[in-house]
Amino acid sequence: MNNPFSQLGELKKMRDQAMQIQKELQAEEVSVDNHGVQIVITGDQKIKEIKVNGRSDNDVKEAVNEAVKKSQEVAARKLATMQGGLSSLLGGGQ
């Protein structure tokens, strides 16, 4: 007989690993300079800086961050659907 608690332990381990990776991504930065537009973005997709022809543009930065946030919410909803299916497979669903 399978021990359901061992599966929960594996899920916790995977969650802990995902959280560690997320922290590492927050610390990473990618810089792009293309046709006078400079962008610095973190590994977890947060815009840190946007400059156009050497001038900072905070309104654009905020708009891009909001768009990224909304796209992440869409992804989170899709993952939650998948996670619900996983829960059913593990016996926690309907």
C-alpha atoms as a PDB file:
ATOM      1  CA  MET A   1       0.000   0.000   0.000  1.00  0.00           C
ATOM      2  CA  ASN A   2       1.302   3.419  -0.890  1.00  0.00           C
ATOM      3  CA  ASN A   3       1.883   5.845   1.939  1.00  0.00           C
ATOM      4  CA  PRO A   4       0.082   9.122   1.030  1.00  0.00           C
ATOM      5  CA  PHE A   5       2.265  11.017   3.498  1.00  0.00           C
ATOM      6  CA  SER A   6       5.399  10.163   1.497  1.00  0.00           C
ATOM      7  CA  GLN A   7       3.776  11.849  -1.510  1.00  0.00           C
ATOM      8  CA  LEU A   8       3.070  14.931   0.595  1.00  0.00           C
ATOM      9  CA  GLY A   9       6.709  14.984   1.650  1.00  0.00           C
ATOM     10  CA  GLU A  10       7.781  14.932  -1.988  1.00  0.00           C
ATOM     11  CA  LEU A  11       5.362  17.758  -2.808  1.00  0.00           C
ATOM     12  CA  LYS A  12       6.739  19.833   0.076  1.00  0.00           C
ATOM     13  CA  LYS A  13      10.282  19.206  -1.151  1.00  0.00           C
ATOM     14  CA  MET A  14       9.307  20.325  -4.676  1.00  0.00           C
ATOM     15  CA  ARG A  15       7.578  23.428  -3.268  1.00  0.00           C
ATOM     16  CA  ASP A  16      10.637  24.308  -1.185  1.00  0.00           C
ATOM     17  CA  GLN A  17      12.864  23.921  -4.255  1.00  0.00           C
ATOM     18  CA  ALA A  18      10.534  26.142  -6.302  1.00  0.00           C
ATOM     19  CA  MET A  19      10.604  28.819  -3.605  1.00  0.00           C
ATOM     20  CA  GLN A  20      14.425  28.701  -3.506  1.00  0.00           C
ATOM     21  CA  ILE A  21      14.593  29.069  -7.277  1.00  0.00           C
ATOM     22  CA  GLN A  22      12.199  32.022  -7.086  1.00  0.00           C
ATOM     23  CA  LYS A  23      14.468  33.749  -4.543  1.00  0.00           C
ATOM     24  CA  GLU A  24      17.468  33.152  -6.786  1.00  0.00           C
ATOM     25  CA  LEU A  25      15.591  34.566  -9.786  1.00  0.00           C
ATOM     26  CA  GLN A  26      14.742  37.715  -7.822  1.00  0.00           C
ATOM     27  CA  ALA A  27      18.476  38.307  -7.345  1.00  0.00           C
ATOM     28  CA  GLU A  28      19.361  37.839 -11.039  1.00  0.00           C
ATOM     29  CA  GLU A  29      19.348  40.812 -13.415  1.00  0.00           C
ATOM     30  CA  VAL A  30      19.325  40.965 -17.191  1.00  0.00           C
ATOM     31  CA  SER A  31      20.252  44.171 -19.015  1.00  0.00           C
ATOM     32  CA  VAL A  32      19.357  44.927 -22.617  1.00  0.00           C
ATOM     33  CA  ASP A  33      20.404  47.947 -24.663  1.00  0.00           C
ATOM     34  CA  ASN A  34      18.745  48.106 -28.067  1.00  0.00           C
ATOM     35  CA  HIS A  35      18.326  51.189 -30.300  1.00  0.00           C
ATOM     36  CA  GLY A  36      18.632  53.654 -27.425  1.00  0.00           C
ATOM     37  CA  VAL A  37      16.293  51.741 -25.126  1.00  0.00           C
ATOM     38  CA  GLN A  38      17.883  50.282 -22.003  1.00  0.00           C
ATOM     39  CA  ILE A  39      15.987  47.816 -19.825  1.00  0.00           C
ATOM     40  CA  VAL A  40      17.039  46.090 -16.610  1.00  0.00           C
ATOM     41  CA  ILE A  41      14.769  43.205 -15.583  1.00  0.00           C
ATOM     42  CA  THR A  42      15.072  40.667 -12.769  1.00  0.00           C
ATOM     43  CA  GLY A  43      14.933  36.924 -13.318  1.00  0.00           C
ATOM     44  CA  ASP A  44      11.408  36.882 -11.862  1.00  0.00           C
ATOM     45  CA  GLN A  45      10.289  39.355 -14.550  1.00  0.00           C
ATOM     46  CA  LYS A  46      10.190  42.600 -12.581  1.00  0.00           C
ATOM     47  CA  ILE A  47      11.317  45.667 -14.531  1.00  0.00           C
ATOM     48  CA  LYS A  48      13.886  47.538 -12.469  1.00  0.00           C
ATOM     49  CA  GLU A  49      14.768  50.266 -14.947  1.00  0.00           C
ATOM     50  CA  ILE A  50      13.798  51.573 -18.370  1.00  0.00           C
ATOM     51  CA  LYS A  51      15.691  54.340 -20.109  1.00  0.00           C
ATOM     52  CA  VAL A  52      14.916  55.739 -23.519  1.00  0.00           C
ATOM     53  CA  ASN A  53      17.784  57.684 -25.058  1.00  0.00           C
ATOM     54  CA  GLY A  54      19.347  58.026 -21.598  1.00  0.00           C
ATOM     55  CA  ARG A  55      16.181  59.327 -19.904  1.00  0.00           C
ATOM     56  CA  SER A  56      14.409  57.305 -17.230  1.00  0.00           C
ATOM     57  CA  ASP A  57      10.728  56.639 -17.852  1.00  0.00           C
ATOM     58  CA  ASN A  58       8.994  55.458 -14.677  1.00  0.00           C
ATOM     59  CA  ASP A  59       5.495  55.506 -16.219  1.00  0.00           C
ATOM     60  CA  VAL A  60       6.566  52.954 -18.825  1.00  0.00           C
ATOM     61  CA  LYS A  61       8.287  50.861 -16.151  1.00  0.00           C
ATOM     62  CA  GLU A  62       5.144  50.773 -14.023  1.00  0.00           C
ATOM     63  CA  ALA A  63       2.947  49.888 -17.003  1.00  0.00           C
ATOM     64  CA  VAL A  64       5.243  47.041 -18.045  1.00  0.00           C
ATOM     65  CA  ASN A  65       5.386  45.706 -14.475  1.00  0.00           C
ATOM     66  CA  GLU A  66       1.583  45.769 -14.309  1.00  0.00           C
ATOM     67  CA  ALA A  67       1.347  43.862 -17.596  1.00  0.00           C
ATOM     68  CA  VAL A  68       3.844  41.267 -16.366  1.00  0.00           C
ATOM     69  CA  LYS A  69       1.902  40.921 -13.090  1.00  0.00           C
ATOM     70  CA  LYS A  70      -1.341  40.291 -14.978  1.00  0.00           C
ATOM     71  CA  SER A  71       0.338  37.706 -17.204  1.00  0.00           C
ATOM     72  CA  GLN A  72       1.694  35.965 -14.091  1.00  0.00           C
ATOM     73  CA  GLU A  73      -1.828  35.890 -12.621  1.00  0.00           C
ATOM     74  CA  VAL A  74      -3.067  34.159 -15.784  1.00  0.00           C
ATOM     75  CA  ALA A  75      -0.252  31.623 -15.476  1.00  0.00           C
ATOM     76  CA  ALA A  76      -1.020  31.098 -11.771  1.00  0.00           C
ATOM     77  CA  ARG A  77      -4.683  30.366 -12.559  1.00  0.00           C
ATOM     78  CA  LYS A  78      -3.660  27.794 -15.160  1.00  0.00           C
ATOM     79  CA  LEU A  79      -1.194  26.195 -12.732  1.00  0.00           C
ATOM     80  CA  ALA A  80      -3.872  26.099 -10.022  1.00  0.00           C
ATOM     81  CA  THR A  81      -6.094  24.148 -12.412  1.00  0.00           C
ATOM     82  CA  MET A  82      -3.257  21.704 -12.981  1.00  0.00           C
ATOM     83  CA  GLN A  83      -2.600  21.532  -9.230  1.00  0.00           C
ATOM     84  CA  GLY A  84      -6.278  20.677  -8.641  1.00  0.00           C
ATOM     85  CA  GLY A  85      -5.880  17.730 -10.992  1.00  0.00           C
ATOM     86  CA  LEU A  86      -2.741  16.675  -9.136  1.00  0.00           C
ATOM     87  CA  SER A  87      -4.660  16.841  -5.860  1.00  0.00           C
ATOM     88  CA  SER A  88      -7.303  14.516  -7.315  1.00  0.00           C
ATOM     89  CA  LEU A  89      -4.619  12.072  -8.371  1.00  0.00           C
ATOM     90  CA  LEU A  90      -3.246  12.032  -4.838  1.00  0.00           C
ATOM     91  CA  GLY A  91      -6.683  11.325  -3.372  1.00  0.00           C
ATOM     92  CA  GLY A  92      -7.370  14.842  -2.073  1.00  0.00           C
ATOM     93  CA  GLY A  93      -9.922  15.741  -4.720  1.00  0.00           C
ATOM     94  CA  GLN A  94     -13.566  14.940  -5.249  1.00  0.00           C
END
